[in-house]
Amino acid sequence: MIKTVLLCLLILIALALAAGPGVRRLIARLLGIRWK
């Protein structure tokens, strides 16, 4: 389970870095997490 969560986090981070702040907000909304 932990490995799966870490993998998902790595993928999300990679997407956020690749796509920029707009996508980061969108992902945060989908996950229900508030990122600054």
Protein backbone atom coordinates (compact mmCIF):
# COMPACT_ATOMS: atom_id res chain seq x y z
CA MET A 1 0.00 0.00 0.00
CA ILE A 2 2.71 2.48 0.97
CA LYS A 3 4.60 1.86 -2.27
CA THR A 4 1.47 2.57 -4.29
CA VAL A 5 0.88 5.86 -2.46
CA LEU A 6 4.48 6.95 -2.99
CA LEU A 7 4.23 6.10 -6.68
CA CYS A 8 1.07 8.17 -7.03
CA LEU A 9 2.72 11.10 -5.24
CA LEU A 10 5.77 10.92 -7.50
CA ILE A 11 3.55 10.90 -10.59
CA LEU A 12 1.52 13.85 -9.32
CA ILE A 13 4.68 15.81 -8.51
CA ALA A 14 6.09 15.07 -11.96
CA LEU A 15 2.84 16.24 -13.59
CA ALA A 16 2.76 19.39 -11.48
CA LEU A 17 6.36 20.25 -12.38
CA ALA A 18 5.77 19.53 -16.06
CA ALA A 19 2.46 21.36 -16.41
CA GLY A 20 2.76 24.27 -13.98
CA PRO A 21 0.72 25.96 -11.24
CA GLY A 22 -2.68 25.70 -12.94
CA VAL A 23 -2.56 21.92 -13.08
CA ARG A 24 -1.22 21.84 -9.55
CA ARG A 25 -4.36 23.60 -8.34
CA LEU A 26 -6.55 21.24 -10.36
CA ILE A 27 -4.84 18.17 -8.90
CA ALA A 28 -5.10 19.65 -5.41
CA ARG A 29 -8.83 20.12 -5.92
CA LEU A 30 -9.23 16.55 -7.14
CA LEU A 31 -7.37 15.19 -4.12
CA GLY A 32 -9.11 17.58 -1.76
CA ILE A 33 -5.77 18.89 -0.55
CA ARG A 34 -4.92 22.56 -0.15
CA TRP A 35 -1.48 23.24 -1.57
CA LYS A 36 0.18 26.60 -1.13
